[in-house]
PDB file of N, CA and C in Angstrom:
ATOM      1  N   MET A   1     -30.636 -13.331  16.963  1.00  0.00           N
ATOM      2  CA  MET A   1     -29.900 -12.325  15.986  1.00  0.00           C
ATOM      3  C   MET A   1     -29.411 -13.309  14.785  1.00  0.00           C
ATOM      4  N   GLY A   2     -29.223 -12.520  13.861  1.00  0.00           N
ATOM      5  CA  GLY A   2     -28.491 -13.239  12.717  1.00  0.00           C
ATOM      6  C   GLY A   2     -27.639 -12.219  12.071  1.00  0.00           C
ATOM      7  N   ALA A   3     -27.190 -12.578  11.068  1.00  0.00           N
ATOM      8  CA  ALA A   3     -26.099 -11.854  10.188  1.00  0.00           C
ATOM      9  C   ALA A   3     -26.429 -11.707   8.771  1.00  0.00           C
ATOM     10  N   LYS A   4     -26.224 -10.585   8.113  1.00  0.00           N
ATOM     11  CA  LYS A   4     -26.253 -10.518   6.631  1.00  0.00           C
ATOM     12  C   LYS A   4     -24.904 -10.260   6.053  1.00  0.00           C
ATOM     13  N   VAL A   5     -24.679 -11.128   5.123  1.00  0.00           N
ATOM     14  CA  VAL A   5     -23.467 -10.829   4.549  1.00  0.00           C
ATOM     15  C   VAL A   5     -23.440  -9.634   3.415  1.00  0.00           C
ATOM     16  N   LEU A   6     -22.629  -8.728   3.605  1.00  0.00           N
ATOM     17  CA  LEU A   6     -22.552  -7.656   2.636  1.00  0.00           C
ATOM     18  C   LEU A   6     -21.709  -7.956   1.428  1.00  0.00           C
ATOM     19  N   GLU A   7     -20.639  -8.666   1.699  1.00  0.00           N
ATOM     20  CA  GLU A   7     -19.506  -8.974   0.672  1.00  0.00           C
ATOM     21  C   GLU A   7     -18.737 -10.052   1.116  1.00  0.00           C
ATOM     22  N   ARG A   8     -18.245 -10.867   0.342  1.00  0.00           N
ATOM     23  CA  ARG A   8     -17.087 -11.745   0.468  1.00  0.00           C
ATOM     24  C   ARG A   8     -15.816 -11.767  -0.321  1.00  0.00           C
ATOM     25  N   PHE A   9     -14.855 -11.901   0.419  1.00  0.00           N
ATOM     26  CA  PHE A   9     -13.305 -11.835  -0.141  1.00  0.00           C
ATOM     27  C   PHE A   9     -12.645 -13.019   0.008  1.00  0.00           C
ATOM     28  N   SER A  10     -11.932 -13.428  -1.122  1.00  0.00           N
ATOM     29  CA  SER A  10     -11.121 -14.767  -0.986  1.00  0.00           C
ATOM     30  C   SER A  10     -10.066 -14.362   0.241  1.00  0.00           C
ATOM     31  N   ALA A  11      -9.492 -15.456   0.770  1.00  0.00           N
ATOM     32  CA  ALA A  11      -8.503 -15.364   1.767  1.00  0.00           C
ATOM     33  C   ALA A  11      -7.256 -15.493   1.198  1.00  0.00           C
ATOM     34  N   GLY A  12      -7.208 -15.509  -0.091  1.00  0.00           N
ATOM     35  CA  GLY A  12      -5.996 -15.495  -0.892  1.00  0.00           C
ATOM     36  C   GLY A  12      -5.326 -14.412  -1.321  1.00  0.00           C
ATOM     37  N   ALA A  13      -5.806 -13.300  -0.866  1.00  0.00           N
ATOM     38  CA  ALA A  13      -5.361 -11.952  -1.183  1.00  0.00           C
ATOM     39  C   ALA A  13      -3.788 -11.748  -1.063  1.00  0.00           C
ATOM     40  N   PRO A  14      -3.101 -11.004  -1.856  1.00  0.00           N
ATOM     41  CA  PRO A  14      -1.750 -10.826  -1.620  1.00  0.00           C
ATOM     42  C   PRO A  14      -1.297 -10.243  -0.288  1.00  0.00           C
ATOM     43  N   ARG A  15       0.016 -10.705   0.114  1.00  0.00           N
ATOM     44  CA  ARG A  15       0.433 -10.290   1.455  1.00  0.00           C
ATOM     45  C   ARG A  15       0.276  -8.788   1.639  1.00  0.00           C
ATOM     46  N   GLY A  16      -0.109  -8.397   2.702  1.00  0.00           N
ATOM     47  CA  GLY A  16      -0.223  -6.836   2.946  1.00  0.00           C
ATOM     48  C   GLY A  16      -1.400  -6.336   2.458  1.00  0.00           C
ATOM     49  N   SER A  17      -2.170  -7.162   1.764  1.00  0.00           N
ATOM     50  CA  SER A  17      -3.621  -6.599   1.345  1.00  0.00           C
ATOM     51  C   SER A  17      -4.617  -7.156   2.107  1.00  0.00           C
ATOM     52  N   TRP A  18      -5.767  -6.221   2.455  1.00  0.00           N
ATOM     53  CA  TRP A  18      -6.747  -6.465   3.587  1.00  0.00           C
ATOM     54  C   TRP A  18      -7.945  -5.957   2.906  1.00  0.00           C
ATOM     55  N   PRO A  19      -8.662  -6.488   1.653  1.00  0.00           N
ATOM     56  CA  PRO A  19      -9.630  -5.999   1.243  1.00  0.00           C
ATOM     57  C   PRO A  19     -10.980  -5.801   1.862  1.00  0.00           C
ATOM     58  N   ALA A  20     -10.956  -6.975   2.850  1.00  0.00           N
ATOM     59  CA  ALA A  20     -12.269  -7.038   3.476  1.00  0.00           C
ATOM     60  C   ALA A  20     -12.309  -6.044   4.549  1.00  0.00           C
ATOM     61  N   GLU A  21     -11.030  -5.932   5.148  1.00  0.00           N
ATOM     62  CA  GLU A  21     -11.073  -4.878   6.410  1.00  0.00           C
ATOM     63  C   GLU A  21     -11.218  -3.474   5.723  1.00  0.00           C
ATOM     64  N   GLU A  22     -10.771  -3.241   4.678  1.00  0.00           N
ATOM     65  CA  GLU A  22     -10.899  -1.927   3.897  1.00  0.00           C
ATOM     66  C   GLU A  22     -12.380  -1.821   3.558  1.00  0.00           C
ATOM     67  N   TYR A  23     -13.054  -2.829   3.256  1.00  0.00           N
ATOM     68  CA  TYR A  23     -14.398  -2.824   2.872  1.00  0.00           C
ATOM     69  C   TYR A  23     -15.285  -2.336   3.926  1.00  0.00           C
ATOM     70  N   ALA A  24     -14.954  -3.039   4.999  1.00  0.00           N
ATOM     71  CA  ALA A  24     -15.746  -2.991   6.397  1.00  0.00           C
ATOM     72  C   ALA A  24     -15.654  -1.662   6.780  1.00  0.00           C
ATOM     73  N   ALA A  25     -14.329  -1.207   6.748  1.00  0.00           N
ATOM     74  CA  ALA A  25     -13.999   0.381   7.106  1.00  0.00           C
ATOM     75  C   ALA A  25     -14.728   1.339   6.546  1.00  0.00           C
ATOM     76  N   ARG A  26     -14.904   1.088   5.121  1.00  0.00           N
ATOM     77  CA  ARG A  26     -15.659   2.106   4.257  1.00  0.00           C
ATOM     78  C   ARG A  26     -17.260   2.033   4.773  1.00  0.00           C
ATOM     79  N   CYS A  27     -17.792   0.778   4.997  1.00  0.00           N
ATOM     80  CA  CYS A  27     -19.225   0.724   5.392  1.00  0.00           C
ATOM     81  C   CYS A  27     -19.333   1.370   6.807  1.00  0.00           C
ATOM     82  N   ARG A  28     -18.508   1.194   7.866  1.00  0.00           N
ATOM     83  CA  ARG A  28     -18.513   1.756   9.006  1.00  0.00           C
ATOM     84  C   ARG A  28     -18.357   3.386   9.083  1.00  0.00           C
ATOM     85  N   ALA A  29     -17.618   3.888   8.049  1.00  0.00           N
ATOM     86  CA  ALA A  29     -17.569   5.231   7.566  1.00  0.00           C
ATOM     87  C   ALA A  29     -18.928   5.626   7.307  1.00  0.00           C
ATOM     88  N   GLU A  30     -19.757   4.941   6.593  1.00  0.00           N
ATOM     89  CA  GLU A  30     -21.034   5.413   6.033  1.00  0.00           C
ATOM     90  C   GLU A  30     -22.179   4.988   7.170  1.00  0.00           C
ATOM     91  N   GLY A  31     -21.683   4.530   8.458  1.00  0.00           N
ATOM     92  CA  GLY A  31     -22.785   4.367   9.450  1.00  0.00           C
ATOM     93  C   GLY A  31     -23.412   2.955   9.465  1.00  0.00           C
ATOM     94  N   GLU A  32     -22.745   2.071   8.770  1.00  0.00           N
ATOM     95  CA  GLU A  32     -23.093   0.571   8.753  1.00  0.00           C
ATOM     96  C   GLU A  32     -22.256  -0.012   9.610  1.00  0.00           C
ATOM     97  N   PRO A  33     -22.739  -0.763  10.798  1.00  0.00           N
ATOM     98  CA  PRO A  33     -21.828  -1.317  11.561  1.00  0.00           C
ATOM     99  C   PRO A  33     -21.249  -2.680  11.392  1.00  0.00           C
ATOM    100  N   ALA A  34     -20.293  -2.700  10.320  1.00  0.00           N
ATOM    101  CA  ALA A  34     -19.973  -3.715   9.507  1.00  0.00           C
ATOM    102  C   ALA A  34     -18.587  -4.505  10.264  1.00  0.00           C
ATOM    103  N   THR A  35     -18.614  -5.796  10.253  1.00  0.00           N
ATOM    104  CA  THR A  35     -17.455  -6.569  10.904  1.00  0.00           C
ATOM    105  C   THR A  35     -16.896  -7.618  10.010  1.00  0.00           C
ATOM    106  N   VAL A  36     -15.782  -8.050  10.125  1.00  0.00           N
ATOM    107  CA  VAL A  36     -15.310  -9.144   9.164  1.00  0.00           C
ATOM    108  C   VAL A  36     -15.026 -10.552  10.018  1.00  0.00           C
ATOM    109  N   VAL A  37     -15.807 -11.371   9.379  1.00  0.00           N
ATOM    110  CA  VAL A  37     -15.413 -12.805  10.118  1.00  0.00           C
ATOM    111  C   VAL A  37     -14.946 -13.670   8.965  1.00  0.00           C
ATOM    112  N   MET A  38     -14.256 -14.834   9.537  1.00  0.00           N
ATOM    113  CA  MET A  38     -13.578 -15.859   8.479  1.00  0.00           C
ATOM    114  C   MET A  38     -14.504 -17.045   8.405  1.00  0.00           C
ATOM    115  N   ASP A  39     -14.752 -17.424   7.112  1.00  0.00           N
ATOM    116  CA  ASP A  39     -15.639 -18.445   7.004  1.00  0.00           C
ATOM    117  C   ASP A  39     -14.625 -19.847   6.532  1.00  0.00           C
ATOM    118  N   LEU A  40     -14.350 -20.511   7.496  1.00  0.00           N
ATOM    119  CA  LEU A  40     -13.330 -21.415   7.227  1.00  0.00           C
ATOM    120  C   LEU A  40     -13.538 -22.456   6.120  1.00  0.00           C
ATOM    121  N   LYS A  41     -14.988 -22.805   6.069  1.00  0.00           N
ATOM    122  CA  LYS A  41     -15.260 -23.733   5.070  1.00  0.00           C
ATOM    123  C   LYS A  41     -15.058 -23.384   3.519  1.00  0.00           C
ATOM    124  N   SER A  42     -15.435 -22.116   3.431  1.00  0.00           N
ATOM    125  CA  SER A  42     -15.251 -21.557   1.989  1.00  0.00           C
ATOM    126  C   SER A  42     -13.956 -20.858   1.947  1.00  0.00           C
ATOM    127  N   ASP A  43     -13.063 -20.732   2.865  1.00  0.00           N
ATOM    128  CA  ASP A  43     -11.725 -19.974   2.880  1.00  0.00           C
ATOM    129  C   ASP A  43     -12.021 -18.504   2.215  1.00  0.00           C
ATOM    130  N   ALA A  44     -12.873 -17.925   3.071  1.00  0.00           N
ATOM    131  CA  ALA A  44     -13.010 -16.613   2.464  1.00  0.00           C
ATOM    132  C   ALA A  44     -13.401 -15.670   3.908  1.00  0.00           C
ATOM    133  N   PHE A  45     -13.123 -14.228   3.644  1.00  0.00           N
ATOM    134  CA  PHE A  45     -13.508 -13.486   4.784  1.00  0.00           C
ATOM    135  C   PHE A  45     -14.849 -12.783   4.270  1.00  0.00           C
ATOM    136  N   LEU A  46     -15.915 -12.712   5.231  1.00  0.00           N
ATOM    137  CA  LEU A  46     -17.118 -12.148   5.030  1.00  0.00           C
ATOM    138  C   LEU A  46     -17.278 -10.859   5.788  1.00  0.00           C
ATOM    139  N   VAL A  47     -17.944  -9.878   5.104  1.00  0.00           N
ATOM    140  CA  VAL A  47     -18.279  -8.594   5.761  1.00  0.00           C
ATOM    141  C   VAL A  47     -19.580  -8.668   6.059  1.00  0.00           C
ATOM    142  N   VAL A  48     -19.926  -8.708   7.359  1.00  0.00           N
ATOM    143  CA  VAL A  48     -21.211  -8.983   7.908  1.00  0.00           C
ATOM    144  C   VAL A  48     -21.866  -7.748   8.825  1.00  0.00           C
ATOM    145  N   VAL A  49     -23.031  -7.750   8.840  1.00  0.00           N
ATOM    146  CA  VAL A  49     -23.851  -6.686   9.786  1.00  0.00           C
ATOM    147  C   VAL A  49     -24.759  -7.540  10.434  1.00  0.00           C
ATOM    148  N   GLN A  50     -25.003  -7.351  11.884  1.00  0.00           N
ATOM    149  CA  GLN A  50     -25.754  -7.945  12.626  1.00  0.00           C
ATOM    150  C   GLN A  50     -27.430  -7.726  12.190  1.00  0.00           C
ATOM    151  N   THR A  51     -28.328  -8.624  12.155  1.00  0.00           N
ATOM    152  CA  THR A  51     -29.590  -8.361  11.794  1.00  0.00           C
ATOM    153  C   THR A  51     -30.608  -8.733  13.142  1.00  0.00           C
ATOM    154  N   ARG A  52     -31.543  -8.195  13.262  1.00  0.00           N
ATOM    155  CA  ARG A  52     -32.462  -8.779  14.420  1.00  0.00           C
ATOM    156  C   ARG A  52     -33.571  -9.586  13.651  1.00  0.00           C
ATOM    157  N   ASP A  53     -33.571 -10.801  14.108  1.00  0.00           N
ATOM    158  CA  ASP A  53     -34.692 -11.792  13.451  1.00  0.00           C
ATOM    159  C   ASP A  53     -36.102 -11.186  13.989  1.00  0.00           C
ATOM    160  N   GLU A  54     -37.074 -10.988  13.096  1.00  0.00           N
ATOM    161  CA  GLU A  54     -38.435 -10.812  13.281  1.00  0.00           C
ATOM    162  C   GLU A  54     -39.126 -12.140  13.556  1.00  0.00           C
ATOM    163  N   ASP A  55     -39.986 -12.342  14.570  1.00  0.00           N
ATOM    164  CA  ASP A  55     -40.710 -13.346  14.767  1.00  0.00           C
ATOM    165  C   ASP A  55     -42.125 -13.096  14.378  1.00  0.00           C
TER     166      ASP A  55
END
Protein backbone atom coordinates (compact mmCIF):
# COMPACT_ATOMS: atom_id res chain seq x y z
CA MET A 1 0.00 0.00 0.00
CA GLY A 2 1.14 3.52 -0.75
CA ALA A 3 -0.23 7.01 -0.54
CA LYS A 4 -0.91 9.75 -3.07
CA VAL A 5 -0.54 13.36 -1.91
CA LEU A 6 -3.48 15.43 -3.12
CA GLU A 7 -2.40 18.73 -1.56
CA ARG A 8 0.09 20.14 0.95
CA PHE A 9 -0.44 22.99 3.41
CA SER A 10 2.08 24.89 5.50
CA ALA A 11 1.88 24.14 9.22
CA GLY A 12 2.13 27.89 9.84
CA ALA A 13 -1.54 28.66 9.20
CA PRO A 14 -3.11 31.31 11.43
CA ARG A 15 -4.44 30.13 14.79
CA GLY A 16 -7.90 28.62 14.42
CA SER A 17 -7.40 27.98 10.69
CA TRP A 18 -7.40 24.37 9.52
CA PRO A 19 -7.02 24.51 5.71
CA ALA A 20 -5.77 20.92 5.35
CA GLU A 21 -8.68 19.53 7.39
CA GLU A 22 -11.17 21.67 5.43
CA TYR A 23 -9.72 20.48 2.11
CA ALA A 24 -9.81 16.84 3.23
CA ALA A 25 -13.44 17.27 4.34
CA ARG A 26 -14.37 18.59 0.88
CA CYS A 27 -12.61 15.61 -0.72
CA ARG A 28 -14.47 13.18 1.55
CA ALA A 29 -17.77 14.88 0.69
CA GLU A 30 -16.97 14.13 -2.98
CA GLY A 31 -16.28 10.46 -2.18
CA GLU A 32 -12.48 10.60 -1.95
CA PRO A 33 -11.26 8.90 1.28
CA ALA A 34 -8.78 11.66 2.14
CA THR A 35 -6.90 11.97 5.42
CA VAL A 36 -4.48 14.53 6.83
CA VAL A 37 -0.98 13.60 7.95
CA MET A 38 1.91 15.71 9.23
CA ASP A 39 5.21 15.72 7.37
CA LEU A 40 7.63 16.74 10.12
CA LYS A 41 10.60 17.08 7.78
CA SER A 42 8.92 19.75 5.64
CA ASP A 43 6.72 21.14 8.46
CA ALA A 44 3.59 20.69 6.36
CA PHE A 45 0.23 18.98 6.54
CA LEU A 46 -0.43 16.61 3.66
CA VAL A 47 -3.85 15.56 2.42
CA VAL A 48 -3.42 11.99 1.19
CA VAL A 49 -5.40 9.03 -0.11
CA GLN A 50 -4.27 5.44 0.17
CA THR A 51 -3.31 3.74 -3.08
CA ARG A 52 -2.91 0.11 -3.89
CA ASP A 53 0.51 -0.74 -5.32
CA GLU A 54 0.24 -2.70 -8.53
CA ASP A 55 2.89 -5.42 -8.88
